[in-house]
Amino acid sequence: MTLYYSLVFLLLIIEILVFVGLIIPLPFHLKRKMFIFISESPVIAKLQHGMRITFIFILILFIDSVNRVYRVQLELASYSKDPTRGRAAALGDRSEIQARKFYSQRNMYLCGFTLFLSLILNRTYLMILELLRLEDKIRLLEGDKKAGGKDSARLAEAGNAGEIGRLKREIEVRDQDIATLKKQTEGLSREYHKLGDQLSTEDGTPKKDR
């Protein structure tokens, strides 16, 4: 197994461990704090961004492995239909092609399961977040004193951190545009008043001469 496929296999193992960690039954308050930490940690946010880029490369490897499987399958079919080859040579060539087919299929399944599990992890994370929010609301309606508070508000914002960050960046850009427009308006206003004063001075001088 080459280095990059070994890294893909390592990533698959990490995904399996993360999935097991998500579905392990834990007390409500402990799981809520854990998900709040995951959603608010800047380190995990950077890690998620890096993982998205990694999954793009894994998708490229998956497409390449599918292409290799298809080509090996065509090559195997051509060897089977060629009657001019000797029996011993045909058996040797067929064994070599079968080995390449096995490795190509292994790489295809490895990349495919890694990509598929990443989608499952994302969906499982969002489902557990929604379940925690609903459970927190139920506890609050039942009169649980530990429900509600800052943790509930932070839990309500969890999962929307990317959207909130995007909106904040848009607001900052709009604020910068508004500040720029204000400066331009102030500059135009000063020029307008300056030009008005000059015109008033010019209009007043001939009147005095008359």
C-alpha atoms as a PDB file:
ATOM      1  CA  MET A   1       0.000   0.000   0.000  1.00  0.00           C
ATOM      2  CA  THR A   2       1.420   3.367  -1.039  1.00  0.00           C
ATOM      3  CA  LEU A   3       1.901   6.239   1.404  1.00  0.00           C
ATOM      4  CA  TYR A   4      -1.214   8.211   0.454  1.00  0.00           C
ATOM      5  CA  TYR A   5      -3.456   5.148   0.643  1.00  0.00           C
ATOM      6  CA  SER A   6      -1.928   4.366   4.028  1.00  0.00           C
ATOM      7  CA  LEU A   7      -2.885   7.886   5.133  1.00  0.00           C
ATOM      8  CA  VAL A   8      -6.409   7.333   3.792  1.00  0.00           C
ATOM      9  CA  PHE A   9      -6.615   4.110   5.814  1.00  0.00           C
ATOM     10  CA  LEU A  10      -5.410   5.980   8.918  1.00  0.00           C
ATOM     11  CA  LEU A  11      -8.075   8.628   8.322  1.00  0.00           C
ATOM     12  CA  LEU A  12     -10.703   5.886   8.024  1.00  0.00           C
ATOM     13  CA  ILE A  13      -9.645   4.476  11.407  1.00  0.00           C
ATOM     14  CA  ILE A  14      -9.849   7.970  12.951  1.00  0.00           C
ATOM     15  CA  GLU A  15     -13.342   8.429  11.495  1.00  0.00           C
ATOM     16  CA  ILE A  16     -14.447   5.119  12.980  1.00  0.00           C
ATOM     17  CA  LEU A  17     -13.119   6.147  16.412  1.00  0.00           C
ATOM     18  CA  VAL A  18     -14.842   9.551  16.174  1.00  0.00           C
ATOM     19  CA  PHE A  19     -18.098   7.875  15.179  1.00  0.00           C
ATOM     20  CA  VAL A  20     -17.863   5.498  18.143  1.00  0.00           C
ATOM     21  CA  GLY A  21     -17.147   8.508  20.384  1.00  0.00           C
ATOM     22  CA  LEU A  22     -20.273  10.273  19.098  1.00  0.00           C
ATOM     23  CA  ILE A  23     -22.626   7.362  19.707  1.00  0.00           C
ATOM     24  CA  ILE A  24     -21.280   6.348  23.128  1.00  0.00           C
ATOM     25  CA  PRO A  25     -24.046   6.972  25.689  1.00  0.00           C
ATOM     26  CA  LEU A  26     -22.981   9.763  28.043  1.00  0.00           C
ATOM     27  CA  PRO A  27     -24.812  11.891  30.632  1.00  0.00           C
ATOM     28  CA  PHE A  28     -26.729  14.779  29.091  1.00  0.00           C
ATOM     29  CA  HIS A  29     -24.719  17.574  30.732  1.00  0.00           C
ATOM     30  CA  LEU A  30     -21.389  15.969  29.814  1.00  0.00           C
ATOM     31  CA  LYS A  31     -22.418  15.427  26.197  1.00  0.00           C
ATOM     32  CA  ARG A  32     -23.737  18.990  25.972  1.00  0.00           C
ATOM     33  CA  LYS A  33     -20.435  20.435  27.181  1.00  0.00           C
ATOM     34  CA  MET A  34     -18.537  18.185  24.768  1.00  0.00           C
ATOM     35  CA  PHE A  35     -20.568  19.342  21.761  1.00  0.00           C
ATOM     36  CA  ILE A  36     -20.316  22.978  22.821  1.00  0.00           C
ATOM     37  CA  PHE A  37     -16.535  22.595  23.000  1.00  0.00           C
ATOM     38  CA  ILE A  38     -16.444  20.958  19.555  1.00  0.00           C
ATOM     39  CA  SER A  39     -18.563  23.696  17.985  1.00  0.00           C
ATOM     40  CA  GLU A  40     -16.681  26.623  19.576  1.00  0.00           C
ATOM     41  CA  SER A  41     -13.074  25.421  19.508  1.00  0.00           C
ATOM     42  CA  PRO A  42     -11.017  27.360  16.907  1.00  0.00           C
ATOM     43  CA  VAL A  43      -8.555  24.463  16.649  1.00  0.00           C
ATOM     44  CA  ILE A  44     -11.311  22.046  15.665  1.00  0.00           C
ATOM     45  CA  ALA A  45     -12.686  24.623  13.213  1.00  0.00           C
ATOM     46  CA  LYS A  46      -9.284  24.827  11.488  1.00  0.00           C
ATOM     47  CA  LEU A  47      -9.054  21.039  11.554  1.00  0.00           C
ATOM     48  CA  GLN A  48     -12.465  20.752   9.884  1.00  0.00           C
ATOM     49  CA  HIS A  49     -11.376  23.179   7.178  1.00  0.00           C
ATOM     50  CA  GLY A  50      -8.246  21.120   6.542  1.00  0.00           C
ATOM     51  CA  MET A  51     -10.306  17.932   6.446  1.00  0.00           C
ATOM     52  CA  ARG A  52     -12.549  19.376   3.721  1.00  0.00           C
ATOM     53  CA  ILE A  53      -9.474  19.941   1.563  1.00  0.00           C
ATOM     54  CA  THR A  54      -8.248  16.423   2.377  1.00  0.00           C
ATOM     55  CA  PHE A  55     -11.558  14.900   1.320  1.00  0.00           C
ATOM     56  CA  ILE A  56     -11.257  16.645  -2.049  1.00  0.00           C
ATOM     57  CA  PHE A  57      -7.970  14.800  -2.638  1.00  0.00           C
ATOM     58  CA  ILE A  58      -9.558  11.538  -1.444  1.00  0.00           C
ATOM     59  CA  LEU A  59     -12.371  12.079  -3.945  1.00  0.00           C
ATOM     60  CA  ILE A  60      -9.752  12.454  -6.696  1.00  0.00           C
ATOM     61  CA  LEU A  61      -8.116   9.197  -5.533  1.00  0.00           C
ATOM     62  CA  PHE A  62     -11.520   7.496  -5.551  1.00  0.00           C
ATOM     63  CA  ILE A  63     -12.223   8.588  -9.131  1.00  0.00           C
ATOM     64  CA  ASP A  64      -8.746   7.428 -10.183  1.00  0.00           C
ATOM     65  CA  SER A  65      -9.222   4.028  -8.508  1.00  0.00           C
ATOM     66  CA  VAL A  66     -12.610   3.561 -10.217  1.00  0.00           C
ATOM     67  CA  ASN A  67     -10.954   4.348 -13.543  1.00  0.00           C
ATOM     68  CA  ARG A  68      -8.196   1.819 -12.815  1.00  0.00           C
ATOM     69  CA  VAL A  69     -10.718  -0.890 -11.941  1.00  0.00           C
ATOM     70  CA  TYR A  70     -12.558  -0.235 -15.190  1.00  0.00           C
ATOM     71  CA  ARG A  71      -9.369  -0.396 -17.283  1.00  0.00           C
ATOM     72  CA  VAL A  72      -8.177  -3.582 -15.583  1.00  0.00           C
ATOM     73  CA  GLN A  73     -11.585  -5.149 -16.159  1.00  0.00           C
ATOM     74  CA  LEU A  74     -11.348  -4.333 -19.872  1.00  0.00           C
ATOM     75  CA  GLU A  75      -7.807  -5.702 -20.024  1.00  0.00           C
ATOM     76  CA  LEU A  76      -8.881  -8.919 -18.301  1.00  0.00           C
ATOM     77  CA  ALA A  77     -11.743  -9.333 -20.751  1.00  0.00           C
ATOM     78  CA  SER A  78      -9.376  -8.841 -23.707  1.00  0.00           C
ATOM     79  CA  TYR A  79      -7.012 -11.539 -22.401  1.00  0.00           C
ATOM     80  CA  SER A  80      -9.889 -13.952 -22.035  1.00  0.00           C
ATOM     81  CA  LYS A  81     -11.031 -13.400 -25.629  1.00  0.00           C
ATOM     82  CA  ASP A  82      -7.560 -13.643 -27.242  1.00  0.00           C
ATOM     83  CA  PRO A  83      -7.077 -17.253 -28.541  1.00  0.00           C
ATOM     84  CA  THR A  84      -3.542 -16.654 -29.879  1.00  0.00           C
ATOM     85  CA  ARG A  85      -1.836 -16.593 -26.465  1.00  0.00           C
ATOM     86  CA  GLY A  86      -0.233 -19.687 -25.033  1.00  0.00           C
ATOM     87  CA  ARG A  87      -1.891 -21.288 -22.058  1.00  0.00           C
ATOM     88  CA  ALA A  88       1.016 -20.749 -19.647  1.00  0.00           C
ATOM     89  CA  ALA A  89       1.551 -17.145 -20.764  1.00  0.00           C
ATOM     90  CA  ALA A  90      -2.157 -16.472 -20.565  1.00  0.00           C
ATOM     91  CA  LEU A  91      -2.345 -17.850 -17.032  1.00  0.00           C
ATOM     92  CA  GLY A  92       0.623 -15.749 -15.926  1.00  0.00           C
ATOM     93  CA  ASP A  93      -0.745 -12.588 -17.487  1.00  0.00           C
ATOM     94  CA  ARG A  94      -4.184 -13.279 -16.058  1.00  0.00           C
ATOM     95  CA  SER A  95      -2.748 -13.720 -12.541  1.00  0.00           C
ATOM     96  CA  GLU A  96      -0.898 -10.414 -12.827  1.00  0.00           C
ATOM     97  CA  ILE A  97      -4.033  -8.659 -14.030  1.00  0.00           C
ATOM     98  CA  GLN A  98      -6.091 -10.240 -11.263  1.00  0.00           C
ATOM     99  CA  ALA A  99      -3.580  -8.929  -8.721  1.00  0.00           C
ATOM    100  CA  ARG A 100      -3.821  -5.418 -10.165  1.00  0.00           C
ATOM    101  CA  LYS A 101      -7.593  -5.708 -10.147  1.00  0.00           C
ATOM    102  CA  PHE A 102      -7.539  -6.674  -6.469  1.00  0.00           C
ATOM    103  CA  TYR A 103      -5.362  -3.698  -5.497  1.00  0.00           C
ATOM    104  CA  SER A 104      -7.458  -1.297  -7.571  1.00  0.00           C
ATOM    105  CA  GLN A 105     -10.682  -2.561  -5.998  1.00  0.00           C
ATOM    106  CA  ARG A 106      -9.138  -2.338  -2.537  1.00  0.00           C
ATOM    107  CA  ASN A 107      -8.162   1.304  -3.122  1.00  0.00           C
ATOM    108  CA  MET A 108     -11.602   2.085  -4.532  1.00  0.00           C
ATOM    109  CA  TYR A 109     -13.391   0.594  -1.516  1.00  0.00           C
ATOM    110  CA  LEU A 110     -10.965   2.295   0.888  1.00  0.00           C
ATOM    111  CA  CYS A 111     -11.532   5.769  -0.574  1.00  0.00           C
ATOM    112  CA  GLY A 112     -15.253   5.173  -1.046  1.00  0.00           C
ATOM    113  CA  PHE A 113     -15.845   4.073   2.545  1.00  0.00           C
ATOM    114  CA  THR A 114     -13.772   7.001   3.839  1.00  0.00           C
ATOM    115  CA  LEU A 115     -15.869   9.503   1.894  1.00  0.00           C
ATOM    116  CA  PHE A 116     -19.122   7.780   2.829  1.00  0.00           C
ATOM    117  CA  LEU A 117     -18.233   7.702   6.526  1.00  0.00           C
ATOM    118  CA  SER A 118     -17.391  11.423   6.438  1.00  0.00           C
ATOM    119  CA  LEU A 119     -20.961  12.128   5.280  1.00  0.00           C
ATOM    120  CA  ILE A 120     -22.344   9.858   7.995  1.00  0.00           C
ATOM    121  CA  LEU A 121     -20.244  11.632  10.637  1.00  0.00           C
ATOM    122  CA  ASN A 122     -21.477  15.050   9.561  1.00  0.00           C
ATOM    123  CA  ARG A 123     -25.108  13.919   9.560  1.00  0.00           C
ATOM    124  CA  THR A 124     -24.749  12.115  12.905  1.00  0.00           C
ATOM    125  CA  TYR A 125     -23.171  15.203  14.484  1.00  0.00           C
ATOM    126  CA  LEU A 126     -26.051  17.428  13.334  1.00  0.00           C
ATOM    127  CA  MET A 127     -28.676  14.906  14.465  1.00  0.00           C
ATOM    128  CA  ILE A 128     -27.147  14.605  17.936  1.00  0.00           C
ATOM    129  CA  LEU A 129     -26.985  18.415  18.191  1.00  0.00           C
ATOM    130  CA  GLU A 130     -30.676  18.681  17.331  1.00  0.00           C
ATOM    131  CA  LEU A 131     -31.474  15.910  19.802  1.00  0.00           C
ATOM    132  CA  LEU A 132     -29.584  17.736  22.560  1.00  0.00           C
ATOM    133  CA  ARG A 133     -31.452  20.973  21.808  1.00  0.00           C
ATOM    134  CA  LEU A 134     -34.824  19.222  21.961  1.00  0.00           C
ATOM    135  CA  GLU A 135     -33.875  17.411  25.155  1.00  0.00           C
ATOM    136  CA  ASP A 136     -32.774  20.696  26.707  1.00  0.00           C
ATOM    137  CA  LYS A 137     -36.127  22.285  25.803  1.00  0.00           C
ATOM    138  CA  ILE A 138     -37.984  19.338  27.307  1.00  0.00           C
ATOM    139  CA  ARG A 139     -35.981  19.604  30.533  1.00  0.00           C
ATOM    140  CA  LEU A 140     -36.671  23.343  30.640  1.00  0.00           C
ATOM    141  CA  LEU A 141     -40.433  22.777  30.206  1.00  0.00           C
ATOM    142  CA  GLU A 142     -40.385  20.113  32.894  1.00  0.00           C
ATOM    143  CA  GLY A 143     -38.879  22.602  35.320  1.00  0.00           C
ATOM    144  CA  ASP A 144     -35.333  21.277  35.509  1.00  0.00           C
ATOM    145  CA  LYS A 145     -33.232  23.992  37.151  1.00  0.00           C
ATOM    146  CA  LYS A 146     -30.066  22.814  35.402  1.00  0.00           C
ATOM    147  CA  ALA A 147     -31.647  23.333  31.987  1.00  0.00           C
ATOM    148  CA  GLY A 148     -31.452  26.676  30.226  1.00  0.00           C
ATOM    149  CA  GLY A 149     -28.814  29.305  30.881  1.00  0.00           C
ATOM    150  CA  LYS A 150     -25.679  30.088  28.916  1.00  0.00           C
ATOM    151  CA  ASP A 151     -25.016  26.485  27.945  1.00  0.00           C
ATOM    152  CA  SER A 152     -28.425  26.234  26.301  1.00  0.00           C
ATOM    153  CA  ALA A 153     -27.834  29.447  24.335  1.00  0.00           C
ATOM    154  CA  ARG A 154     -24.413  28.238  23.246  1.00  0.00           C
ATOM    155  CA  LEU A 155     -25.887  24.868  22.321  1.00  0.00           C
ATOM    156  CA  ALA A 156     -28.555  26.608  20.241  1.00  0.00           C
ATOM    157  CA  GLU A 157     -25.824  28.403  18.284  1.00  0.00           C
ATOM    158  CA  ALA A 158     -23.741  25.233  17.901  1.00  0.00           C
ATOM    159  CA  GLY A 159     -23.846  23.799  14.430  1.00  0.00           C
ATOM    160  CA  ASN A 160     -24.527  27.241  12.967  1.00  0.00           C
ATOM    161  CA  ALA A 161     -21.038  28.537  13.751  1.00  0.00           C
ATOM    162  CA  GLY A 162     -20.040  28.536  10.072  1.00  0.00           C
ATOM    163  CA  GLU A 163     -23.186  30.386   9.031  1.00  0.00           C
ATOM    164  CA  ILE A 164     -22.830  32.881  11.879  1.00  0.00           C
ATOM    165  CA  GLY A 165     -19.207  33.477  10.954  1.00  0.00           C
ATOM    166  CA  ARG A 166     -20.158  34.047   7.327  1.00  0.00           C
ATOM    167  CA  LEU A 167     -22.849  36.545   8.317  1.00  0.00           C
ATOM    168  CA  LYS A 168     -20.432  38.362  10.629  1.00  0.00           C
ATOM    169  CA  ARG A 169     -17.916  38.678   7.799  1.00  0.00           C
ATOM    170  CA  GLU A 170     -20.636  40.039   5.518  1.00  0.00           C
ATOM    171  CA  ILE A 171     -21.635  42.565   8.189  1.00  0.00           C
ATOM    172  CA  GLU A 172     -18.003  43.661   8.581  1.00  0.00           C
ATOM    173  CA  VAL A 173     -17.706  44.155   4.813  1.00  0.00           C
ATOM    174  CA  ARG A 174     -20.948  46.163   4.758  1.00  0.00           C
ATOM    175  CA  ASP A 175     -19.720  48.286   7.690  1.00  0.00           C
ATOM    176  CA  GLN A 176     -16.491  49.006   5.837  1.00  0.00           C
ATOM    177  CA  ASP A 177     -18.455  49.984   2.732  1.00  0.00           C
ATOM    178  CA  ILE A 178     -20.692  52.273   4.799  1.00  0.00           C
ATOM    179  CA  ALA A 179     -17.660  53.902   6.438  1.00  0.00           C
ATOM    180  CA  THR A 180     -16.089  54.447   3.008  1.00  0.00           C
ATOM    181  CA  LEU A 181     -19.297  55.993   1.693  1.00  0.00           C
ATOM    182  CA  LYS A 182     -19.491  58.284   4.723  1.00  0.00           C
ATOM    183  CA  LYS A 183     -15.951  59.513   4.095  1.00  0.00           C
ATOM    184  CA  GLN A 184     -16.732  60.105   0.427  1.00  0.00           C
ATOM    185  CA  THR A 185     -19.940  61.938   1.344  1.00  0.00           C
ATOM    186  CA  GLU A 186     -18.095  64.137   3.840  1.00  0.00           C
ATOM    187  CA  GLY A 187     -15.458  64.941   1.208  1.00  0.00           C
ATOM    188  CA  LEU A 188     -18.099  65.823  -1.391  1.00  0.00           C
ATOM    189  CA  SER A 189     -19.953  67.926   1.161  1.00  0.00           C
ATOM    190  CA  ARG A 190     -16.796  69.897   1.978  1.00  0.00           C
ATOM    191  CA  GLU A 191     -16.075  70.427  -1.711  1.00  0.00           C
ATOM    192  CA  TYR A 192     -19.671  71.544  -2.263  1.00  0.00           C
ATOM    193  CA  HIS A 193     -19.544  74.086   0.560  1.00  0.00           C
ATOM    194  CA  LYS A 194     -16.126  75.298  -0.590  1.00  0.00           C
ATOM    195  CA  LEU A 195     -17.383  75.732  -4.148  1.00  0.00           C
ATOM    196  CA  GLY A 196     -20.496  77.509  -2.842  1.00  0.00           C
ATOM    197  CA  ASP A 197     -18.367  79.928  -0.831  1.00  0.00           C
ATOM    198  CA  GLN A 198     -16.225  80.678  -3.882  1.00  0.00           C
ATOM    199  CA  LEU A 199     -19.277  81.348  -6.041  1.00  0.00           C
ATOM    200  CA  SER A 200     -20.759  83.607  -3.342  1.00  0.00           C
ATOM    201  CA  THR A 201     -17.525  85.584  -3.147  1.00  0.00           C
ATOM    202  CA  GLU A 202     -17.351  85.962  -6.916  1.00  0.00           C
ATOM    203  CA  ASP A 203     -20.982  87.034  -7.131  1.00  0.00           C
ATOM    204  CA  GLY A 204     -20.560  89.563  -4.312  1.00  0.00           C
ATOM    205  CA  THR A 205     -17.507  91.325  -5.759  1.00  0.00           C
ATOM    206  CA  PRO A 206     -19.174  92.719  -8.910  1.00  0.00           C
ATOM    207  CA  LYS A 207     -22.101  93.964  -6.851  1.00  0.00           C
ATOM    208  CA  LYS A 208     -19.731  96.050  -4.707  1.00  0.00           C
ATOM    209  CA  ASP A 209     -18.063  97.460  -7.835  1.00  0.00           C
ATOM    210  CA  ARG A 210     -21.403  98.583  -9.180  1.00  0.00           C
END
